[in-house]
Amino acid sequence: QVQLVESGGGLVQPGGSLRLSCAASRSIFSYAMGWYRQAPGKQREQVARITTGGSTDYADSVKGRFTISRDNAKNTVSLQMRRLKPDDTAVYYCNTVFPVRFSWGQGTQVTVSS
């Protein structure tokens, strides 16, 4: 079983940037990976995904502001977030794309507030 550890969250002002990282305990090069978020009282949603070949796709709400990337040599997936909005406030998780294959990590809290 692959363990996932997310990091990089924090408190940022609207318009600011953060870079999230997800470290996997074993190789994930053969999996399409995604970043998800869950805001209070809402369902978890996928916001970005990246295929094994590096193709990316984004939810409309983050398109043009978020960039997902992966480093297969380091077993990591990253999410660069720019022009953050209060609506981006959530706990962010990484996992495979649906259907998820691994147990969820603890996530990393992102709070966008002035």
PDB file of N, CA and C in Angstrom:
ATOM      1  N   GLN A   1       0.847  -1.197   0.000  1.00  0.00           N
ATOM      2  CA  GLN A   1       0.000   0.000   0.000  1.00  0.00           C
ATOM      3  C   GLN A   1       0.885   1.251   0.000  1.00  0.00           C
ATOM      4  N   VAL A   2       0.549   2.179  -0.858  1.00  0.00           N
ATOM      5  CA  VAL A   2       1.308   3.421  -0.938  1.00  0.00           C
ATOM      6  C   VAL A   2       0.770   4.406   0.093  1.00  0.00           C
ATOM      7  N   GLN A   3       1.669   5.024   0.831  1.00  0.00           N
ATOM      8  CA  GLN A   3       1.302   6.076   1.766  1.00  0.00           C
ATOM      9  C   GLN A   3       1.533   7.425   1.101  1.00  0.00           C
ATOM     10  N   LEU A   4       0.597   8.349   1.314  1.00  0.00           N
ATOM     11  CA  LEU A   4       0.682   9.675   0.717  1.00  0.00           C
ATOM     12  C   LEU A   4       0.766  10.728   1.812  1.00  0.00           C
ATOM     13  N   VAL A   5       1.694  11.658   1.667  1.00  0.00           N
ATOM     14  CA  VAL A   5       1.855  12.725   2.642  1.00  0.00           C
ATOM     15  C   VAL A   5       1.840  14.062   1.915  1.00  0.00           C
ATOM     16  N   GLU A   6       0.832  14.866   2.218  1.00  0.00           N
ATOM     17  CA  GLU A   6       0.690  16.187   1.610  1.00  0.00           C
ATOM     18  C   GLU A   6       1.300  17.258   2.517  1.00  0.00           C
ATOM     19  N   SER A   7       1.843  18.285   1.910  1.00  0.00           N
ATOM     20  CA  SER A   7       2.435  19.379   2.669  1.00  0.00           C
ATOM     21  C   SER A   7       2.395  20.656   1.847  1.00  0.00           C
ATOM     22  N   GLY A   8       2.692  21.772   2.513  1.00  0.00           N
ATOM     23  CA  GLY A   8       2.805  23.042   1.816  1.00  0.00           C
ATOM     24  C   GLY A   8       1.658  23.999   2.004  1.00  0.00           C
ATOM     25  N   GLY A   9       0.624  23.559   2.702  1.00  0.00           N
ATOM     26  CA  GLY A   9      -0.509  24.437   2.923  1.00  0.00           C
ATOM     27  C   GLY A   9      -0.194  25.549   3.910  1.00  0.00           C
ATOM     28  N   GLY A  10      -1.168  26.430   4.088  1.00  0.00           N
ATOM     29  CA  GLY A  10      -0.980  27.521   5.028  1.00  0.00           C
ATOM     30  C   GLY A  10      -2.028  28.596   4.842  1.00  0.00           C
ATOM     31  N   LEU A  11      -1.794  29.715   5.508  1.00  0.00           N
ATOM     32  CA  LEU A  11      -2.684  30.866   5.416  1.00  0.00           C
ATOM     33  C   LEU A  11      -2.080  31.858   4.423  1.00  0.00           C
ATOM     34  N   VAL A  12      -2.875  32.266   3.464  1.00  0.00           N
ATOM     35  CA  VAL A  12      -2.398  33.186   2.438  1.00  0.00           C
ATOM     36  C   VAL A  12      -3.488  34.206   2.141  1.00  0.00           C
ATOM     37  N   GLN A  13      -3.092  35.385   1.766  1.00  0.00           N
ATOM     38  CA  GLN A  13      -4.051  36.422   1.420  1.00  0.00           C
ATOM     39  C   GLN A  13      -4.609  36.183   0.018  1.00  0.00           C
ATOM     40  N   PRO A  14      -5.790  36.677  -0.239  1.00  0.00           N
ATOM     41  CA  PRO A  14      -6.327  36.574  -1.607  1.00  0.00           C
ATOM     42  C   PRO A  14      -5.341  37.154  -2.613  1.00  0.00           C
ATOM     43  N   GLY A  15      -5.188  36.449  -3.726  1.00  0.00           N
ATOM     44  CA  GLY A  15      -4.224  36.857  -4.738  1.00  0.00           C
ATOM     45  C   GLY A  15      -2.849  36.254  -4.555  1.00  0.00           C
ATOM     46  N   GLY A  16      -2.636  35.606  -3.425  1.00  0.00           N
ATOM     47  CA  GLY A  16      -1.337  35.007  -3.148  1.00  0.00           C
ATOM     48  C   GLY A  16      -1.146  33.658  -3.805  1.00  0.00           C
ATOM     49  N   SER A  17      -0.003  33.053  -3.505  1.00  0.00           N
ATOM     50  CA  SER A  17       0.363  31.769  -4.113  1.00  0.00           C
ATOM     51  C   SER A  17       0.827  30.791  -3.042  1.00  0.00           C
ATOM     52  N   LEU A  18       0.651  29.518  -3.336  1.00  0.00           N
ATOM     53  CA  LEU A  18       1.183  28.435  -2.523  1.00  0.00           C
ATOM     54  C   LEU A  18       1.570  27.296  -3.442  1.00  0.00           C
ATOM     55  N   ARG A  19       2.516  26.502  -2.989  1.00  0.00           N
ATOM     56  CA  ARG A  19       2.902  25.293  -3.717  1.00  0.00           C
ATOM     57  C   ARG A  19       2.749  24.099  -2.793  1.00  0.00           C
ATOM     58  N   LEU A  20       1.867  23.195  -3.175  1.00  0.00           N
ATOM     59  CA  LEU A  20       1.630  21.978  -2.401  1.00  0.00           C
ATOM     60  C   LEU A  20       2.461  20.829  -2.962  1.00  0.00           C
ATOM     61  N   SER A  21       2.866  19.955  -2.070  1.00  0.00           N
ATOM     62  CA  SER A  21       3.611  18.766  -2.481  1.00  0.00           C
ATOM     63  C   SER A  21       2.965  17.518  -1.904  1.00  0.00           C
ATOM     64  N   CYS A  22       3.060  16.451  -2.635  1.00  0.00           N
ATOM     65  CA  CYS A  22       2.564  15.154  -2.200  1.00  0.00           C
ATOM     66  C   CYS A  22       3.685  14.152  -2.391  1.00  0.00           C
ATOM     67  N   ALA A  23       4.104  13.543  -1.303  1.00  0.00           N
ATOM     68  CA  ALA A  23       5.176  12.554  -1.357  1.00  0.00           C
ATOM     69  C   ALA A  23       4.588  11.164  -1.172  1.00  0.00           C
ATOM     70  N   ALA A  24       4.915  10.270  -2.077  1.00  0.00           N
ATOM     71  CA  ALA A  24       4.439   8.888  -2.009  1.00  0.00           C
ATOM     72  C   ALA A  24       5.550   7.990  -1.471  1.00  0.00           C
ATOM     73  N   SER A  25       5.148   6.962  -0.719  1.00  0.00           N
ATOM     74  CA  SER A  25       6.126   6.084  -0.099  1.00  0.00           C
ATOM     75  C   SER A  25       6.741   5.094  -1.085  1.00  0.00           C
ATOM     76  N   ARG A  26       6.079   4.897  -2.218  1.00  0.00           N
ATOM     77  CA  ARG A  26       6.604   4.023  -3.259  1.00  0.00           C
ATOM     78  C   ARG A  26       6.342   4.649  -4.622  1.00  0.00           C
ATOM     79  N   SER A  27       6.841   4.013  -5.625  1.00  0.00           N
ATOM     80  CA  SER A  27       6.720   4.539  -6.970  1.00  0.00           C
ATOM     81  C   SER A  27       5.258   4.680  -7.383  1.00  0.00           C
ATOM     82  N   ILE A  28       4.969   5.817  -7.993  1.00  0.00           N
ATOM     83  CA  ILE A  28       3.622   6.075  -8.493  1.00  0.00           C
ATOM     84  C   ILE A  28       3.651   6.367  -9.979  1.00  0.00           C
ATOM     85  N   PHE A  29       4.755   6.015 -10.640  1.00  0.00           N
ATOM     86  CA  PHE A  29       4.917   6.426 -12.031  1.00  0.00           C
ATOM     87  C   PHE A  29       3.874   5.809 -12.954  1.00  0.00           C
ATOM     88  N   SER A  30       3.288   4.693 -12.537  1.00  0.00           N
ATOM     89  CA  SER A  30       2.325   4.015 -13.404  1.00  0.00           C
ATOM     90  C   SER A  30       0.882   4.452 -13.162  1.00  0.00           C
ATOM     91  N   TYR A  31       0.705   5.462 -12.321  1.00  0.00           N
ATOM     92  CA  TYR A  31      -0.639   5.924 -11.980  1.00  0.00           C
ATOM     93  C   TYR A  31      -0.881   7.359 -12.455  1.00  0.00           C
ATOM     94  N   ALA A  32      -2.066   7.577 -12.995  1.00  0.00           N
ATOM     95  CA  ALA A  32      -2.517   8.950 -13.178  1.00  0.00           C
ATOM     96  C   ALA A  32      -2.873   9.483 -11.799  1.00  0.00           C
ATOM     97  N   MET A  33      -2.407  10.687 -11.499  1.00  0.00           N
ATOM     98  CA  MET A  33      -2.576  11.232 -10.151  1.00  0.00           C
ATOM     99  C   MET A  33      -3.423  12.502 -10.178  1.00  0.00           C
ATOM    100  N   GLY A  34      -4.029  12.789  -9.048  1.00  0.00           N
ATOM    101  CA  GLY A  34      -4.865  13.970  -8.966  1.00  0.00           C
ATOM    102  C   GLY A  34      -4.712  14.691  -7.636  1.00  0.00           C
ATOM    103  N   TRP A  35      -5.049  15.956  -7.662  1.00  0.00           N
ATOM    104  CA  TRP A  35      -5.204  16.735  -6.433  1.00  0.00           C
ATOM    105  C   TRP A  35      -6.695  16.954  -6.213  1.00  0.00           C
ATOM    106  N   TYR A  36      -7.092  16.789  -4.974  1.00  0.00           N
ATOM    107  CA  TYR A  36      -8.472  16.950  -4.572  1.00  0.00           C
ATOM    108  C   TYR A  36      -8.539  17.979  -3.447  1.00  0.00           C
ATOM    109  N   ARG A  37      -9.736  18.500  -3.222  1.00  0.00           N
ATOM    110  CA  ARG A  37      -9.922  19.373  -2.070  1.00  0.00           C
ATOM    111  C   ARG A  37     -11.307  19.158  -1.477  1.00  0.00           C
ATOM    112  N   GLN A  38     -11.377  19.429  -0.191  1.00  0.00           N
ATOM    113  CA  GLN A  38     -12.658  19.326   0.497  1.00  0.00           C
ATOM    114  C   GLN A  38     -12.813  20.538   1.398  1.00  0.00           C
ATOM    115  N   ALA A  39     -13.805  21.335   1.071  1.00  0.00           N
ATOM    116  CA  ALA A  39     -14.127  22.504   1.878  1.00  0.00           C
ATOM    117  C   ALA A  39     -15.136  22.102   2.952  1.00  0.00           C
ATOM    118  N   PRO A  40     -15.224  22.861   4.034  1.00  0.00           N
ATOM    119  CA  PRO A  40     -16.168  22.528   5.096  1.00  0.00           C
ATOM    120  C   PRO A  40     -17.587  22.406   4.569  1.00  0.00           C
ATOM    121  N   GLY A  41     -18.240  21.310   4.894  1.00  0.00           N
ATOM    122  CA  GLY A  41     -19.609  21.100   4.487  1.00  0.00           C
ATOM    123  C   GLY A  41     -19.807  20.712   3.036  1.00  0.00           C
ATOM    124  N   LYS A  42     -18.719  20.484   2.329  1.00  0.00           N
ATOM    125  CA  LYS A  42     -18.824  20.130   0.910  1.00  0.00           C
ATOM    126  C   LYS A  42     -18.158  18.786   0.639  1.00  0.00           C
ATOM    127  N   GLN A  43     -18.520  18.201  -0.483  1.00  0.00           N
ATOM    128  CA  GLN A  43     -17.912  16.940  -0.872  1.00  0.00           C
ATOM    129  C   GLN A  43     -16.509  17.174  -1.424  1.00  0.00           C
ATOM    130  N   ARG A  44     -15.701  16.135  -1.320  1.00  0.00           N
ATOM    131  CA  ARG A  44     -14.374  16.205  -1.899  1.00  0.00           C
ATOM    132  C   ARG A  44     -14.477  16.278  -3.418  1.00  0.00           C
ATOM    133  N   GLU A  45     -13.687  17.144  -4.023  1.00  0.00           N
ATOM    134  CA  GLU A  45     -13.723  17.296  -5.460  1.00  0.00           C
ATOM    135  C   GLU A  45     -12.297  17.254  -6.020  1.00  0.00           C
ATOM    136  N   GLN A  46     -12.190  16.731  -7.235  1.00  0.00           N
ATOM    137  CA  GLN A  46     -10.899  16.717  -7.898  1.00  0.00           C
ATOM    138  C   GLN A  46     -10.706  18.061  -8.579  1.00  0.00           C
ATOM    139  N   VAL A  47      -9.550  18.684  -8.380  1.00  0.00           N
ATOM    140  CA  VAL A  47      -9.303  19.980  -9.005  1.00  0.00           C
ATOM    141  C   VAL A  47      -8.252  19.907 -10.112  1.00  0.00           C
ATOM    142  N   ALA A  48      -7.409  18.887 -10.091  1.00  0.00           N
ATOM    143  CA  ALA A  48      -6.373  18.777 -11.115  1.00  0.00           C
ATOM    144  C   ALA A  48      -5.956  17.321 -11.237  1.00  0.00           C
ATOM    145  N   ARG A  49      -5.552  16.942 -12.429  1.00  0.00           N
ATOM    146  CA  ARG A  49      -5.061  15.595 -12.616  1.00  0.00           C
ATOM    147  C   ARG A  49      -3.950  15.598 -13.650  1.00  0.00           C
ATOM    148  N   ILE A  50      -3.089  14.582 -13.558  1.00  0.00           N
ATOM    149  CA  ILE A  50      -1.977  14.457 -14.486  1.00  0.00           C
ATOM    150  C   ILE A  50      -1.813  12.989 -14.838  1.00  0.00           C
ATOM    151  N   THR A  51      -1.684  12.715 -16.117  1.00  0.00           N
ATOM    152  CA  THR A  51      -1.551  11.335 -16.572  1.00  0.00           C
ATOM    153  C   THR A  51      -0.113  10.856 -16.396  1.00  0.00           C
ATOM    154  N   THR A  52       0.100   9.598 -16.666  1.00  0.00           N
ATOM    155  CA  THR A  52       1.456   9.061 -16.597  1.00  0.00           C
ATOM    156  C   THR A  52       2.357   9.724 -17.622  1.00  0.00           C
ATOM    157  N   GLY A  53       1.781  10.185 -18.694  1.00  0.00           N
ATOM    158  CA  GLY A  53       2.557  10.846 -19.739  1.00  0.00           C
ATOM    159  C   GLY A  53       2.726  12.340 -19.539  1.00  0.00           C
ATOM    160  N   GLY A  54       2.091  12.878 -18.494  1.00  0.00           N
ATOM    161  CA  GLY A  54       2.257  14.296 -18.197  1.00  0.00           C
ATOM    162  C   GLY A  54       1.155  15.209 -18.705  1.00  0.00           C
ATOM    163  N   SER A  55       0.137  14.646 -19.333  1.00  0.00           N
ATOM    164  CA  SER A  55      -0.991  15.483 -19.743  1.00  0.00           C
ATOM    165  C   SER A  55      -1.788  15.896 -18.522  1.00  0.00           C
ATOM    166  N   THR A  56      -2.304  17.125 -18.564  1.00  0.00           N
ATOM    167  CA  THR A  56      -2.983  17.669 -17.388  1.00  0.00           C
ATOM    168  C   THR A  56      -4.408  18.117 -17.726  1.00  0.00           C
ATOM    169  N   ASP A  57      -5.209  18.185 -16.690  1.00  0.00           N
ATOM    170  CA  ASP A  57      -6.583  18.642 -16.820  1.00  0.00           C
ATOM    171  C   ASP A  57      -6.982  19.282 -15.508  1.00  0.00           C
ATOM    172  N   TYR A  58      -7.876  20.280 -15.601  1.00  0.00           N
ATOM    173  CA  TYR A  58      -8.222  21.049 -14.420  1.00  0.00           C
ATOM    174  C   TYR A  58      -9.734  21.287 -14.328  1.00  0.00           C
ATOM    175  N   ALA A  59     -10.206  21.426 -13.110  1.00  0.00           N
ATOM    176  CA  ALA A  59     -11.571  21.869 -12.904  1.00  0.00           C
ATOM    177  C   ALA A  59     -11.685  23.307 -13.385  1.00  0.00           C
ATOM    178  N   ASP A  60     -12.850  23.664 -13.865  1.00  0.00           N
ATOM    179  CA  ASP A  60     -13.044  25.022 -14.376  1.00  0.00           C
ATOM    180  C   ASP A  60     -12.725  26.080 -13.321  1.00  0.00           C
ATOM    181  N   SER A  61     -12.994  25.753 -12.078  1.00  0.00           N
ATOM    182  CA  SER A  61     -12.814  26.725 -11.004  1.00  0.00           C
ATOM    183  C   SER A  61     -11.350  27.097 -10.768  1.00  0.00           C
ATOM    184  N   VAL A  62     -10.414  26.256 -11.227  1.00  0.00           N
ATOM    185  CA  VAL A  62      -9.000  26.541 -10.972  1.00  0.00           C
ATOM    186  C   VAL A  62      -8.196  26.678 -12.266  1.00  0.00           C
ATOM    187  N   LYS A  63      -8.831  26.454 -13.389  1.00  0.00           N
ATOM    188  CA  LYS A  63      -8.121  26.506 -14.663  1.00  0.00           C
ATOM    189  C   LYS A  63      -7.473  27.872 -14.867  1.00  0.00           C
ATOM    190  N   GLY A  64      -6.220  27.848 -15.262  1.00  0.00           N
ATOM    191  CA  GLY A  64      -5.495  29.089 -15.468  1.00  0.00           C
ATOM    192  C   GLY A  64      -4.807  29.625 -14.224  1.00  0.00           C
ATOM    193  N   ARG A  65      -5.121  29.036 -13.067  1.00  0.00           N
ATOM    194  CA  ARG A  65      -4.510  29.498 -11.810  1.00  0.00           C
ATOM    195  C   ARG A  65      -3.661  28.408 -11.161  1.00  0.00           C
ATOM    196  N   PHE A  66      -4.037  27.156 -11.334  1.00  0.00           N
ATOM    197  CA  PHE A  66      -3.331  26.027 -10.717  1.00  0.00           C
ATOM    198  C   PHE A  66      -2.571  25.257 -11.782  1.00  0.00           C
ATOM    199  N   THR A  67      -1.427  24.716 -11.381  1.00  0.00           N
ATOM    200  CA  THR A  67      -0.628  23.881 -12.267  1.00  0.00           C
ATOM    201  C   THR A  67      -0.172  22.634 -11.522  1.00  0.00           C
ATOM    202  N   ILE A  68      -0.526  21.481 -12.068  1.00  0.00           N
ATOM    203  CA  ILE A  68      -0.113  20.217 -11.469  1.00  0.00           C
ATOM    204  C   ILE A  68       1.120  19.706 -12.205  1.00  0.00           C
ATOM    205  N   SER A  69       2.012  19.082 -11.469  1.00  0.00           N
ATOM    206  CA  SER A  69       3.208  18.497 -12.078  1.00  0.00           C
ATOM    207  C   SER A  69       3.609  17.260 -11.281  1.00  0.00           C
ATOM    208  N   ARG A  70       4.480  16.476 -11.851  1.00  0.00           N
ATOM    209  CA  ARG A  70       4.936  15.271 -11.157  1.00  0.00           C
ATOM    210  C   ARG A  70       6.416  15.048 -11.403  1.00  0.00           C
ATOM    211  N   ASP A  71       7.060  14.409 -10.444  1.00  0.00           N
ATOM    212  CA  ASP A  71       8.463  14.033 -10.573  1.00  0.00           C
ATOM    213  C   ASP A  71       8.526  12.552 -10.233  1.00  0.00           C
ATOM    214  N   ASN A  72       8.522  11.718 -11.246  1.00  0.00           N
ATOM    215  CA  ASN A  72       8.479  10.279 -11.014  1.00  0.00           C
ATOM    216  C   ASN A  72       9.741   9.760 -10.327  1.00  0.00           C
ATOM    217  N   ALA A  73      10.840  10.424 -10.534  1.00  0.00           N
ATOM    218  CA  ALA A  73      12.092   9.995  -9.883  1.00  0.00           C
ATOM    219  C   ALA A  73      12.014  10.184  -8.368  1.00  0.00           C
ATOM    220  N   LYS A  74      11.251  11.187  -7.954  1.00  0.00           N
ATOM    221  CA  LYS A  74      11.137  11.481  -6.520  1.00  0.00           C
ATOM    222  C   LYS A  74       9.817  11.007  -5.931  1.00  0.00           C
ATOM    223  N   ASN A  75       8.980  10.395  -6.751  1.00  0.00           N
ATOM    224  CA  ASN A  75       7.658   9.930  -6.292  1.00  0.00           C
ATOM    225  C   ASN A  75       6.839  11.061  -5.687  1.00  0.00           C
ATOM    226  N   THR A  76       6.832  12.205  -6.355  1.00  0.00           N
ATOM    227  CA  THR A  76       6.094  13.357  -5.852  1.00  0.00           C
ATOM    228  C   THR A  76       5.162  13.930  -6.910  1.00  0.00           C
ATOM    229  N   VAL A  77       4.115  14.547  -6.432  1.00  0.00           N
ATOM    230  CA  VAL A  77       3.178  15.292  -7.273  1.00  0.00           C
ATOM    231  C   VAL A  77       3.012  16.655  -6.609  1.00  0.00           C
ATOM    232  N   SER A  78       3.047  17.700  -7.397  1.00  0.00           N
ATOM    233  CA  SER A  78       2.959  19.052  -6.852  1.00  0.00           C
ATOM    234  C   SER A  78       1.770  19.800  -7.435  1.00  0.00           C
ATOM    235  N   LEU A  79       1.355  20.833  -6.724  1.00  0.00           N
ATOM    236  CA  LEU A  79       0.285  21.696  -7.194  1.00  0.00           C
ATOM    237  C   LEU A  79       0.695  23.137  -6.917  1.00  0.00           C
ATOM    238  N   GLN A  80       1.003  23.864  -7.970  1.00  0.00           N
ATOM    239  CA  GLN A  80       1.308  25.287  -7.851  1.00  0.00           C
ATOM    240  C   GLN A  80      -0.002  26.051  -7.961  1.00  0.00           C
ATOM    241  N   MET A  81      -0.305  26.841  -6.941  1.00  0.00           N
ATOM    242  CA  MET A  81      -1.570  27.572  -6.904  1.00  0.00           C
ATOM    243  C   MET A  81      -1.268  29.062  -6.906  1.00  0.00           C
ATOM    244  N   ARG A  82      -1.853  29.763  -7.837  1.00  0.00           N
ATOM    245  CA  ARG A  82      -1.647  31.206  -7.963  1.00  0.00           C
ATOM    246  C   ARG A  82      -2.991  31.909  -7.921  1.00  0.00           C
ATOM    247  N   ARG A  83      -2.947  33.200  -7.695  1.00  0.00           N
ATOM    248  CA  ARG A  83      -4.155  34.052  -7.661  1.00  0.00           C
ATOM    249  C   ARG A  83      -5.239  33.377  -6.803  1.00  0.00           C
ATOM    250  N   LEU A  84      -4.851  33.003  -5.624  1.00  0.00           N
ATOM    251  CA  LEU A  84      -5.769  32.276  -4.758  1.00  0.00           C
ATOM    252  C   LEU A  84      -6.949  33.135  -4.333  1.00  0.00           C
ATOM    253  N   LYS A  85      -8.089  32.471  -4.168  1.00  0.00           N
ATOM    254  CA  LYS A  85      -9.337  33.122  -3.790  1.00  0.00           C
ATOM    255  C   LYS A  85      -9.839  32.519  -2.479  1.00  0.00           C
ATOM    256  N   PRO A  86     -10.687  33.239  -1.755  1.00  0.00           N
ATOM    257  CA  PRO A  86     -11.263  32.651  -0.540  1.00  0.00           C
ATOM    258  C   PRO A  86     -11.973  31.323  -0.799  1.00  0.00           C
ATOM    259  N   ASP A  87     -12.576  31.168  -1.971  1.00  0.00           N
ATOM    260  CA  ASP A  87     -13.257  29.911  -2.308  1.00  0.00           C
ATOM    261  C   ASP A  87     -12.299  28.736  -2.463  1.00  0.00           C
ATOM    262  N   ASP A  88     -11.005  29.006  -2.523  1.00  0.00           N
ATOM    263  CA  ASP A  88     -10.027  27.915  -2.604  1.00  0.00           C
ATOM    264  C   ASP A  88      -9.714  27.328  -1.230  1.00  0.00           C
ATOM    265  N   THR A  89     -10.255  27.935  -0.183  1.00  0.00           N
ATOM    266  CA  THR A  89     -10.031  27.428   1.171  1.00  0.00           C
ATOM    267  C   THR A  89     -10.585  26.019   1.309  1.00  0.00           C
ATOM    268  N   ALA A  90      -9.720  25.092   1.706  1.00  0.00           N
ATOM    269  CA  ALA A  90     -10.101  23.686   1.815  1.00  0.00           C
ATOM    270  C   ALA A  90      -8.910  22.889   2.326  1.00  0.00           C
ATOM    271  N   VAL A  91      -9.163  21.641   2.633  1.00  0.00           N
ATOM    272  CA  VAL A  91      -8.079  20.687   2.864  1.00  0.00           C
ATOM    273  C   VAL A  91      -7.779  20.024   1.522  1.00  0.00           C
ATOM    274  N   TYR A  92      -6.522  20.015   1.152  1.00  0.00           N
ATOM    275  CA  TYR A  92      -6.098  19.480  -0.139  1.00  0.00           C
ATOM    276  C   TYR A  92      -5.425  18.120   0.037  1.00  0.00           C
ATOM    277  N   TYR A  93      -5.790  17.209  -0.843  1.00  0.00           N
ATOM    278  CA  TYR A  93      -5.279  15.842  -0.815  1.00  0.00           C
ATOM    279  C   TYR A  93      -4.791  15.441  -2.203  1.00  0.00           C
ATOM    280  N   CYS A  94      -3.893  14.488  -2.237  1.00  0.00           N
ATOM    281  CA  CYS A  94      -3.555  13.870  -3.514  1.00  0.00           C
ATOM    282  C   CYS A  94      -3.920  12.392  -3.454  1.00  0.00           C
ATOM    283  N   ASN A  95      -4.115  11.812  -4.605  1.00  0.00           N
ATOM    284  CA  ASN A  95      -4.398  10.396  -4.726  1.00  0.00           C
ATOM    285  C   ASN A  95      -4.399  10.069  -6.213  1.00  0.00           C
ATOM    286  N   THR A  96      -4.627   8.815  -6.536  1.00  0.00           N
ATOM    287  CA  THR A  96      -4.801   8.492  -7.939  1.00  0.00           C
ATOM    288  C   THR A  96      -6.106   9.118  -8.411  1.00  0.00           C
ATOM    289  N   VAL A  97      -6.271   9.203  -9.710  1.00  0.00           N
ATOM    290  CA  VAL A  97      -7.565   9.650 -10.221  1.00  0.00           C
ATOM    291  C   VAL A  97      -8.593   8.571  -9.911  1.00  0.00           C
ATOM    292  N   PHE A  98      -9.858   8.928  -9.987  1.00  0.00           N
ATOM    293  CA  PHE A  98     -10.911   7.965  -9.671  1.00  0.00           C
ATOM    294  C   PHE A  98     -10.856   6.749 -10.585  1.00  0.00           C
ATOM    295  N   PRO A  99     -11.078   5.550 -10.070  1.00  0.00           N
ATOM    296  CA  PRO A  99     -11.288   5.243  -8.650  1.00  0.00           C
ATOM    297  C   PRO A  99      -9.968   5.288  -7.888  1.00  0.00           C
ATOM    298  N   VAL A 100      -9.956   5.952  -6.737  1.00  0.00           N
ATOM    299  CA  VAL A 100      -8.708   6.105  -6.004  1.00  0.00           C
ATOM    300  C   VAL A 100      -8.196   4.737  -5.568  1.00  0.00           C
ATOM    301  N   ARG A 101      -6.885   4.601  -5.623  1.00  0.00           N
ATOM    302  CA  ARG A 101      -6.261   3.313  -5.325  1.00  0.00           C
ATOM    303  C   ARG A 101      -5.643   3.250  -3.944  1.00  0.00           C
ATOM    304  N   PHE A 102      -5.351   4.412  -3.362  1.00  0.00           N
ATOM    305  CA  PHE A 102      -4.603   4.431  -2.109  1.00  0.00           C
ATOM    306  C   PHE A 102      -5.448   5.030  -0.992  1.00  0.00           C
ATOM    307  N   SER A 103      -5.050   4.754   0.227  1.00  0.00           N
ATOM    308  CA  SER A 103      -5.704   5.391   1.365  1.00  0.00           C
ATOM    309  C   SER A 103      -5.413   6.889   1.339  1.00  0.00           C
ATOM    310  N   TRP A 104      -6.370   7.655   1.798  1.00  0.00           N
ATOM    311  CA  TRP A 104      -6.175   9.097   1.832  1.00  0.00           C
ATOM    312  C   TRP A 104      -5.147   9.481   2.903  1.00  0.00           C
ATOM    313  N   GLY A 105      -4.325  10.474   2.565  1.00  0.00           N
ATOM    314  CA  GLY A 105      -3.420  11.026   3.556  1.00  0.00           C
ATOM    315  C   GLY A 105      -4.153  11.989   4.464  1.00  0.00           C
ATOM    316  N   GLN A 106      -3.388  12.706   5.267  1.00  0.00           N
ATOM    317  CA  GLN A 106      -4.016  13.631   6.217  1.00  0.00           C
ATOM    318  C   GLN A 106      -4.408  14.943   5.560  1.00  0.00           C
ATOM    319  N   GLY A 107      -3.894  15.177   4.365  1.00  0.00           N
ATOM    320  CA  GLY A 107      -4.199  16.407   3.663  1.00  0.00           C
ATOM    321  C   GLY A 107      -3.406  17.585   4.211  1.00  0.00           C
ATOM    322  N   THR A 108      -3.527  18.703   3.515  1.00  0.00           N
ATOM    323  CA  THR A 108      -2.865  19.933   3.964  1.00  0.00           C
ATOM    324  C   THR A 108      -3.871  21.075   3.837  1.00  0.00           C
ATOM    325  N   GLN A 109      -3.996  21.845   4.895  1.00  0.00           N
ATOM    326  CA  GLN A 109      -5.004  22.907   4.965  1.00  0.00           C
ATOM    327  C   GLN A 109      -4.524  24.144   4.218  1.00  0.00           C
ATOM    328  N   VAL A 110      -5.375  24.635   3.345  1.00  0.00           N
ATOM    329  CA  VAL A 110      -5.138  25.907   2.660  1.00  0.00           C
ATOM    330  C   VAL A 110      -6.246  26.862   3.075  1.00  0.00           C
ATOM    331  N   THR A 111      -5.858  27.997   3.607  1.00  0.00           N
ATOM    332  CA  THR A 111      -6.816  29.014   4.017  1.00  0.00           C
ATOM    333  C   THR A 111      -6.473  30.312   3.320  1.00  0.00           C
ATOM    334  N   VAL A 112      -7.434  30.818   2.568  1.00  0.00           N
ATOM    335  CA  VAL A 112      -7.242  32.069   1.835  1.00  0.00           C
ATOM    336  C   VAL A 112      -8.118  33.124   2.493  1.00  0.00           C
ATOM    337  N   SER A 113      -7.477  34.069   3.134  1.00  0.00           N
ATOM    338  CA  SER A 113      -8.226  35.062   3.895  1.00  0.00           C
ATOM    339  C   SER A 113      -7.360  36.298   4.118  1.00  0.00           C
ATOM    340  N   SER A 114      -8.028  37.434   4.159  1.00  0.00           N
ATOM    341  CA  SER A 114      -7.313  38.670   4.456  1.00  0.00           C
ATOM    342  C   SER A 114      -7.378  38.966   5.950  1.00  0.00           C
TER     343      SER A 114
END
